Amino acid sequence: MHLFDELQVREVTLRNRIVVSPMCEYSSTDGFATDWHLVHLGSRAVGGASLVFAEACAVSPEGRISPEDLGIWKDEHIEPLARITRFIREQGAIPGIQLAHAGRKGDAPLGRLGNGTGIQRWLDARRAQCHSLRGRVSASRGVGRSGIREIVKAFVAAARRACLAGFGVVEIHSAHGYLLHEFLSPLSNQRRDGYGGSFENRTRLVCEVVTAVRRVWPESAPLFLRISATDWIDGGWDLAQSVQLAKLVGPLGVDLIDCSSGGISPGAKIPVRSGYQVPFAGEIRRQTGLLTGAVGLITTAAQAHAILQEGKADVVLLAREFLRQPYWPLYVANELGVPISWPSASRARRHARSRGLKPARFQTLHGRPARHT
């Protein structure tokens, strides 16, 4: 594999193997995308990335990581996001969205929300514990079956809106100590019902969310799953369980495992170094045959290219390096001696017309085209 090889996933073609990882921008009011998001995401598409992920978008208002995070919990969020996806597609890139619920790690102003499902009371109590974790905490014990059903419905509704907004890839966030990861990890999941205890029970909610989202997400479009491949704590979630989870979700319709790590507890001792999470992507890819993405302190052309050449991942996801240099793929192509076209507004317009993207047309969940103007 070469860093600038195309990658076909279902009916979506990535023009290279360089992906913009989701980055929280803390620039939203009530979840709405702004000009800041258009420039942040659009500039990386202009810069040559193949797939540009919007930050973790909350599937419910109480599920935000912070009050300033993007949301996709109501229909009014669709058009501001569609404006961004149109621009990304005009540059020849694919717009992606990460759907998330922060769980106990959320910092949204719950007192003003009032959802009536019992989730708010559960989150209030768990958030008080979150930043003082030193071991096993019953972080996901309090939400009942009705609350779990509401969570699944929220992910489904968000996926429907993501489709209408023109996103080409959806990623379900099940990492970094957020809600779905809380259910996976034995450090945080102390439930005594069908969602706790055994590996099968702890993975049940993730599998339910994946199944429900895949059912409404277009068959032609890829579905990714981000996981923390290890908690970096003895007795916690680890690589062996991550491999088994990948084997479960692959048949459910997940196309790629985005391999991150940590986040369940501040007590974790993480050996942070260049490419420290790459081995997780390599091992999951080797044992399952699924596509994987490597993320975490990937900064140079040689490093990114070697990851692919050695079969350790199928794509590389970068965040900080894209903050430093939005046009990173263009400079990397020059370094590797790969011919590449530099951005041109007229070329983008021609590309958009040739692809029928102006006005943009995106397939709805019922097979009819949705037009956004």
Protein backbone atom coordinates (compact mmCIF):
# COMPACT_ATOMS: atom_id res chain seq x y z
CA MET A 1 0.00 0.00 0.00
CA HIS A 2 1.08 3.53 -0.74
CA LEU A 3 0.01 6.60 1.20
CA PHE A 4 -1.50 8.03 -1.98
CA ASP A 5 -3.27 4.89 -3.18
CA GLU A 6 -7.03 5.16 -3.48
CA LEU A 7 -9.17 3.11 -1.10
CA GLN A 8 -12.60 1.79 -2.01
CA VAL A 9 -14.93 1.21 0.96
CA ARG A 10 -18.35 0.07 -0.16
CA GLU A 11 -19.25 2.63 -2.86
CA VAL A 12 -17.10 5.43 -1.47
CA THR A 13 -13.64 6.05 -2.94
CA LEU A 14 -11.02 7.81 -0.85
CA ARG A 15 -8.47 9.56 -3.05
CA ASN A 16 -5.63 8.66 -0.66
CA ARG A 17 -5.10 7.09 2.76
CA ILE A 18 -4.83 10.36 4.73
CA VAL A 19 -7.76 11.14 7.04
CA VAL A 20 -8.48 14.18 9.21
CA SER A 21 -9.27 12.85 12.66
CA PRO A 22 -12.20 14.40 14.57
CA MET A 23 -11.12 17.40 16.64
CA CYS A 24 -13.39 19.24 19.07
CA GLU A 25 -13.38 22.94 18.19
CA TYR A 26 -15.41 24.34 21.12
CA SER A 27 -16.99 26.85 18.76
CA SER A 28 -20.71 25.98 18.70
CA THR A 29 -23.76 27.49 20.31
CA ASP A 30 -26.59 25.03 20.93
CA GLY A 31 -24.78 22.51 18.73
CA PHE A 32 -24.88 24.56 15.52
CA ALA A 33 -22.01 24.53 13.01
CA THR A 34 -20.54 27.95 12.24
CA ASP A 35 -18.16 29.63 9.79
CA TRP A 36 -15.35 28.43 12.04
CA HIS A 37 -16.23 24.80 11.28
CA LEU A 38 -16.55 25.54 7.57
CA VAL A 39 -13.05 27.01 7.48
CA HIS A 40 -11.50 24.39 9.79
CA LEU A 41 -12.90 21.40 7.91
CA GLY A 42 -12.94 22.97 4.46
CA SER A 43 -9.29 23.99 4.57
CA ARG A 44 -8.23 20.39 5.26
CA ALA A 45 -10.26 19.22 2.27
CA VAL A 46 -8.60 21.88 0.11
CA GLY A 47 -5.29 20.66 1.57
CA GLY A 48 -5.65 17.23 0.02
CA ALA A 49 -7.04 14.93 2.73
CA SER A 50 -9.28 12.16 1.42
CA LEU A 51 -11.72 12.00 4.33
CA VAL A 52 -12.44 14.93 6.65
CA PHE A 53 -14.19 14.12 9.92
CA ALA A 54 -16.20 16.69 11.80
CA GLU A 55 -15.69 16.65 15.53
CA ALA A 56 -17.64 14.38 17.86
CA CYS A 57 -21.22 15.49 17.24
CA ALA A 58 -23.52 14.91 20.17
CA VAL A 59 -26.55 12.73 19.52
CA SER A 60 -28.39 14.43 22.38
CA PRO A 61 -27.90 17.77 24.16
CA GLU A 62 -26.91 16.12 27.43
CA GLY A 63 -24.40 13.99 25.50
CA ARG A 64 -22.09 16.88 24.61
CA ILE A 65 -18.51 16.76 25.82
CA SER A 66 -18.78 20.51 26.39
CA PRO A 67 -21.56 23.07 25.88
CA GLU A 68 -19.62 24.42 22.86
CA ASP A 69 -19.52 21.12 20.94
CA LEU A 70 -21.30 20.38 17.69
CA GLY A 71 -24.63 18.59 17.87
CA ILE A 72 -26.89 16.66 15.56
CA TRP A 73 -29.82 16.03 17.88
CA LYS A 74 -32.35 18.18 16.01
CA ASP A 75 -33.30 18.80 12.40
CA GLU A 76 -32.24 22.44 12.56
CA HIS A 77 -28.62 21.27 12.76
CA ILE A 78 -28.79 19.71 9.28
CA GLU A 79 -28.46 22.71 6.96
CA PRO A 80 -25.40 24.35 8.60
CA LEU A 81 -23.66 20.97 8.37
CA ALA A 82 -24.84 20.49 4.78
CA ARG A 83 -23.16 23.76 3.83
CA ILE A 84 -19.88 22.26 5.05
CA THR A 85 -20.31 18.86 3.39
CA ARG A 86 -21.05 20.56 0.07
CA PHE A 87 -17.80 22.47 0.21
CA ILE A 88 -15.76 19.41 1.25
CA ARG A 89 -17.17 17.40 -1.64
CA GLU A 90 -16.41 20.20 -4.08
CA GLN A 91 -12.75 19.80 -3.14
CA GLY A 92 -12.80 16.09 -4.00
CA ALA A 93 -12.80 14.89 -0.38
CA ILE A 94 -15.39 12.87 1.53
CA PRO A 95 -17.10 14.47 4.55
CA GLY A 96 -17.31 12.26 7.63
CA ILE A 97 -19.05 12.68 10.95
CA GLN A 98 -18.39 11.14 14.34
CA LEU A 99 -21.53 10.43 16.38
CA ALA A 100 -20.97 10.55 20.11
CA HIS A 101 -22.49 10.59 23.56
CA ALA A 102 -20.10 11.78 26.27
CA GLY A 103 -21.81 9.90 29.10
CA ARG A 104 -20.36 10.75 32.51
CA LYS A 105 -17.60 12.83 30.88
CA GLY A 106 -20.04 15.35 29.45
CA ASP A 107 -20.04 18.94 30.56
CA ALA A 108 -23.28 20.25 29.00
CA PRO A 109 -25.52 22.47 31.19
CA LEU A 110 -27.90 19.71 32.21
CA GLY A 111 -29.91 21.81 34.60
CA ARG A 112 -31.49 23.66 31.67
CA LEU A 113 -32.22 20.59 29.55
CA GLY A 114 -34.62 18.30 31.39
CA ASN A 115 -35.07 15.21 29.20
CA GLY A 116 -37.38 13.22 31.43
CA THR A 117 -35.73 9.85 30.72
CA GLY A 118 -33.72 9.44 33.90
CA ILE A 119 -30.48 9.86 31.95
CA GLN A 120 -29.95 13.35 33.37
CA ARG A 121 -30.01 12.18 36.99
CA TRP A 122 -27.67 9.33 36.14
CA LEU A 123 -25.22 11.63 34.37
CA ASP A 124 -25.32 14.20 37.19
CA ALA A 125 -24.23 11.56 39.70
CA ARG A 126 -21.61 9.94 37.47
CA ARG A 127 -20.01 13.18 36.35
CA ALA A 128 -19.30 14.02 39.97
CA GLN A 129 -17.19 10.86 40.11
CA CYS A 130 -15.60 11.02 36.70
CA HIS A 131 -12.53 13.15 37.30
CA SER A 132 -11.62 11.48 40.57
CA LEU A 133 -11.51 7.91 39.26
CA ARG A 134 -8.85 5.75 40.85
CA GLY A 135 -10.14 2.32 39.98
CA ARG A 136 -13.45 0.57 39.60
CA VAL A 137 -16.39 2.97 39.58
CA SER A 138 -20.00 2.03 38.83
CA ALA A 139 -20.21 4.55 36.01
CA SER A 140 -22.88 2.89 33.90
CA ARG A 141 -25.00 1.13 36.50
CA GLY A 142 -27.73 3.71 36.97
CA VAL A 143 -29.35 4.11 33.56
CA GLY A 144 -32.30 1.77 33.05
CA ARG A 145 -33.54 -0.17 30.05
CA SER A 146 -35.76 2.69 28.91
CA GLY A 147 -32.78 5.04 29.06
CA ILE A 148 -30.71 2.61 27.00
CA ARG A 149 -33.45 2.45 24.37
CA GLU A 150 -33.45 6.25 24.23
CA ILE A 151 -29.68 6.26 23.70
CA VAL A 152 -29.96 3.84 20.77
CA LYS A 153 -32.78 5.91 19.26
CA ALA A 154 -30.66 9.04 19.61
CA PHE A 155 -27.82 7.48 17.60
CA VAL A 156 -30.27 6.33 14.95
CA ALA A 157 -31.89 9.76 14.63
CA ALA A 158 -28.46 11.36 14.41
CA ALA A 159 -27.43 8.97 11.63
CA ARG A 160 -30.56 9.89 9.67
CA ARG A 161 -29.73 13.57 9.98
CA ALA A 162 -26.12 12.92 9.01
CA CYS A 163 -27.32 11.32 5.80
CA LEU A 164 -29.56 14.28 4.99
CA ALA A 165 -26.67 16.64 5.72
CA GLY A 166 -24.59 14.94 3.03
CA PHE A 167 -21.99 13.05 5.04
CA GLY A 168 -20.41 10.10 3.26
CA VAL A 169 -18.99 8.26 6.28
CA VAL A 170 -20.31 7.85 9.82
CA GLU A 171 -18.10 6.89 12.74
CA ILE A 172 -19.58 5.73 16.05
CA HIS A 173 -17.51 6.97 18.98
CA SER A 174 -16.90 4.13 21.42
CA ALA A 175 -13.63 5.29 22.94
CA HIS A 176 -11.96 7.71 25.38
CA GLY A 177 -14.18 6.98 28.37
CA TYR A 178 -17.35 8.24 26.74
CA LEU A 179 -20.68 6.51 27.05
CA LEU A 180 -20.23 3.44 24.84
CA HIS A 181 -16.71 2.86 26.15
CA GLU A 182 -18.09 3.04 29.69
CA PHE A 183 -20.23 0.03 28.92
CA LEU A 184 -17.30 -1.86 27.39
CA SER A 185 -14.77 -1.41 30.17
CA PRO A 186 -14.99 -3.57 33.30
CA LEU A 187 -13.43 -0.64 35.18
CA SER A 188 -16.52 1.49 34.66
CA ASN A 189 -19.26 -1.06 33.98
CA GLN A 190 -20.48 -2.53 37.25
CA ARG A 191 -23.97 -3.38 36.02
CA ARG A 192 -25.65 -6.59 37.14
CA ASP A 193 -28.09 -6.96 34.29
CA GLY A 194 -27.82 -7.91 30.63
CA TYR A 195 -25.49 -4.98 29.96
CA GLY A 196 -22.85 -5.78 32.56
CA GLY A 197 -20.55 -8.50 33.79
CA SER A 198 -19.57 -10.78 30.91
CA PHE A 199 -17.85 -9.66 27.73
CA GLU A 200 -21.03 -10.46 25.81
CA ASN A 201 -23.09 -8.23 28.09
CA ARG A 202 -20.61 -5.34 28.17
CA THR A 203 -20.46 -5.25 24.37
CA ARG A 204 -24.24 -5.48 23.99
CA LEU A 205 -24.94 -1.74 23.78
CA VAL A 206 -22.21 -1.10 21.21
CA CYS A 207 -23.57 -3.94 19.08
CA GLU A 208 -27.12 -2.61 19.41
CA VAL A 209 -26.05 0.88 18.37
CA VAL A 210 -24.04 -0.45 15.42
CA THR A 211 -26.92 -2.64 14.27
CA ALA A 212 -29.48 0.14 14.57
CA VAL A 213 -27.32 2.73 12.81
CA ARG A 214 -26.34 0.35 10.02
CA ARG A 215 -30.03 -0.33 9.43
CA VAL A 216 -30.72 3.34 8.60
CA TRP A 217 -27.34 4.35 7.17
CA PRO A 218 -27.18 3.81 3.37
CA GLU A 219 -25.81 0.41 2.37
CA SER A 220 -23.47 2.15 -0.07
CA ALA A 221 -21.84 4.26 2.66
CA PRO A 222 -19.11 3.16 5.10
CA LEU A 223 -19.57 2.83 8.84
CA PHE A 224 -16.53 3.22 11.11
CA LEU A 225 -16.18 2.44 14.81
CA ARG A 226 -13.65 4.25 17.01
CA ILE A 227 -12.50 2.26 20.02
CA SER A 228 -10.00 2.59 22.81
CA ALA A 229 -8.07 -0.60 22.13
CA THR A 230 -6.85 -0.64 25.73
CA ASP A 231 -7.54 1.19 28.99
CA TRP A 232 -3.82 0.92 29.89
CA ILE A 233 -4.90 -0.41 33.31
CA ASP A 234 -4.69 -3.99 34.57
CA GLY A 235 -8.13 -5.54 34.68
CA GLY A 236 -9.56 -3.06 32.21
CA TRP A 237 -10.49 -3.23 28.56
CA ASP A 238 -7.57 -4.54 26.51
CA LEU A 239 -6.41 -5.48 23.02
CA ALA A 240 -7.66 -9.06 23.24
CA GLN A 241 -11.18 -7.82 23.97
CA SER A 242 -10.86 -5.24 21.20
CA VAL A 243 -10.07 -8.00 18.72
CA GLN A 244 -13.13 -9.92 19.85
CA LEU A 245 -15.30 -6.82 19.60
CA ALA A 246 -14.06 -6.24 16.04
CA LYS A 247 -15.04 -9.81 15.18
CA LEU A 248 -18.53 -9.07 16.53
CA VAL A 249 -19.17 -5.77 14.79
CA GLY A 250 -17.68 -6.66 11.42
CA PRO A 251 -20.61 -8.91 10.48
CA LEU A 252 -22.99 -6.21 11.80
CA GLY A 253 -21.78 -3.80 9.13
CA VAL A 254 -18.73 -1.98 10.52
CA ASP A 255 -16.22 -1.41 7.74
CA LEU A 256 -13.24 0.04 9.64
CA ILE A 257 -11.99 0.06 13.22
CA ASP A 258 -10.41 3.39 14.21
CA CYS A 259 -7.89 2.37 16.87
CA SER A 260 -7.25 4.83 19.68
CA SER A 261 -6.76 4.10 23.40
CA GLY A 262 -7.25 5.27 26.98
CA GLY A 263 -9.67 7.77 28.47
CA ILE A 264 -11.51 5.64 31.00
CA SER A 265 -9.46 6.87 33.99
CA PRO A 266 -6.87 9.57 34.69
CA GLY A 267 -4.95 6.89 36.61
CA ALA A 268 -3.85 5.17 33.40
CA LYS A 269 -0.12 5.11 32.69
CA ILE A 270 0.05 5.67 28.93
CA PRO A 271 3.44 5.26 27.22
CA VAL A 272 2.95 8.18 24.87
CA ARG A 273 5.46 8.19 22.04
CA SER A 274 5.50 8.45 18.27
CA GLY A 275 2.98 6.02 16.77
CA TYR A 276 2.28 4.40 20.15
CA GLN A 277 -1.20 3.19 19.10
CA VAL A 278 -0.23 1.81 15.68
CA PRO A 279 0.34 -1.78 16.96
CA PHE A 280 -3.33 -1.96 17.98
CA ALA A 281 -4.46 -1.23 14.43
CA GLY A 282 -1.99 -3.77 13.09
CA GLU A 283 -3.07 -6.57 15.41
CA ILE A 284 -6.81 -6.03 14.90
CA ARG A 285 -6.27 -5.92 11.14
CA ARG A 286 -4.19 -9.11 11.26
CA GLN A 287 -6.60 -11.11 13.40
CA THR A 288 -9.91 -9.97 11.90
CA GLY A 289 -9.27 -8.96 8.28
CA LEU A 290 -11.16 -5.72 8.88
CA LEU A 291 -9.88 -2.40 7.65
CA THR A 292 -8.23 -0.40 10.43
CA GLY A 293 -7.11 3.18 10.99
CA ALA A 294 -4.00 4.16 12.93
CA VAL A 295 -4.08 7.36 14.95
CA GLY A 296 -1.86 9.07 17.51
CA LEU A 297 1.37 11.05 17.06
CA ILE A 298 1.73 10.28 13.37
CA THR A 299 3.61 13.33 12.10
CA THR A 300 5.93 12.57 9.18
CA ALA A 301 5.55 11.33 5.61
CA ALA A 302 8.00 8.46 6.16
CA GLN A 303 6.20 7.32 9.31
CA ALA A 304 2.73 7.42 7.74
CA HIS A 305 3.93 5.68 4.57
CA ALA A 306 5.70 2.94 6.55
CA ILE A 307 2.56 2.18 8.56
CA LEU A 308 0.72 1.37 5.36
CA GLN A 309 3.58 -0.40 3.59
CA GLU A 310 4.07 -2.69 6.58
CA GLY A 311 0.38 -3.58 6.64
CA LYS A 312 -0.24 -2.09 10.08
CA ALA A 313 -3.30 -0.10 8.98
CA ASP A 314 -5.30 0.86 5.90
CA VAL A 315 -5.54 4.59 6.63
CA VAL A 316 -3.75 7.02 8.91
CA LEU A 317 -5.69 9.61 10.89
CA LEU A 318 -4.00 12.85 11.89
CA ALA A 319 -5.16 15.71 14.10
CA ARG A 320 -2.37 17.85 15.57
CA GLU A 321 -0.34 17.72 12.39
CA PHE A 322 -3.33 19.01 10.45
CA LEU A 323 -3.64 21.85 12.95
CA ARG A 324 -0.03 22.75 12.28
CA GLN A 325 -0.35 22.34 8.52
CA PRO A 326 -3.80 22.12 6.86
CA TYR A 327 -2.08 21.36 3.52
CA TRP A 328 -0.02 18.50 4.96
CA PRO A 329 -0.96 15.98 2.21
CA LEU A 330 0.27 18.34 -0.51
CA TYR A 331 3.67 18.78 1.11
CA VAL A 332 3.92 15.06 1.87
CA ALA A 333 3.17 14.21 -1.77
CA ASN A 334 6.01 16.45 -2.83
CA GLU A 335 8.33 14.81 -0.29
CA LEU A 336 7.42 11.34 -1.55
CA GLY A 337 7.67 12.35 -5.20
CA VAL A 338 3.97 11.80 -5.93
CA PRO A 339 2.41 14.02 -8.61
CA ILE A 340 -0.54 15.91 -7.14
CA SER A 341 -2.70 18.83 -8.20
CA TRP A 342 -2.59 21.88 -5.97
CA PRO A 343 -5.92 23.44 -5.03
CA SER A 344 -7.77 25.59 -7.52
CA ALA A 345 -11.15 27.25 -7.09
CA SER A 346 -11.95 26.75 -10.79
CA ARG A 347 -10.95 23.09 -10.61
CA ALA A 348 -13.17 22.63 -7.56
CA ARG A 349 -16.10 24.15 -9.45
CA ARG A 350 -15.50 21.86 -12.42
CA HIS A 351 -15.27 18.86 -10.12
CA ALA A 352 -18.53 19.85 -8.44
CA ARG A 353 -20.34 20.21 -11.77
CA SER A 354 -18.98 16.90 -13.06
CA ARG A 355 -20.19 15.14 -9.91
CA GLY A 356 -23.58 16.86 -9.86
CA LEU A 357 -22.78 18.47 -6.55
CA LYS A 358 -24.16 21.94 -7.22
CA PRO A 359 -26.80 22.04 -6.04
CA ALA A 360 -25.76 19.09 -3.91
CA ARG A 361 -27.71 15.87 -4.15
CA PHE A 362 -27.56 13.30 -1.42
CA GLN A 363 -29.49 10.09 -1.08
CA THR A 364 -32.08 10.00 1.66
CA LEU A 365 -32.81 7.00 3.77
CA HIS A 366 -35.79 6.13 1.60
CA GLY A 367 -33.92 6.12 -1.69
CA ARG A 368 -35.11 9.54 -2.88
CA PRO A 369 -32.68 12.39 -3.55
CA ALA A 370 -32.63 15.24 -1.04
CA ARG A 371 -31.71 18.61 -2.45
CA HIS A 372 -29.97 21.19 -0.33
CA THR A 373 -29.73 24.74 -1.66
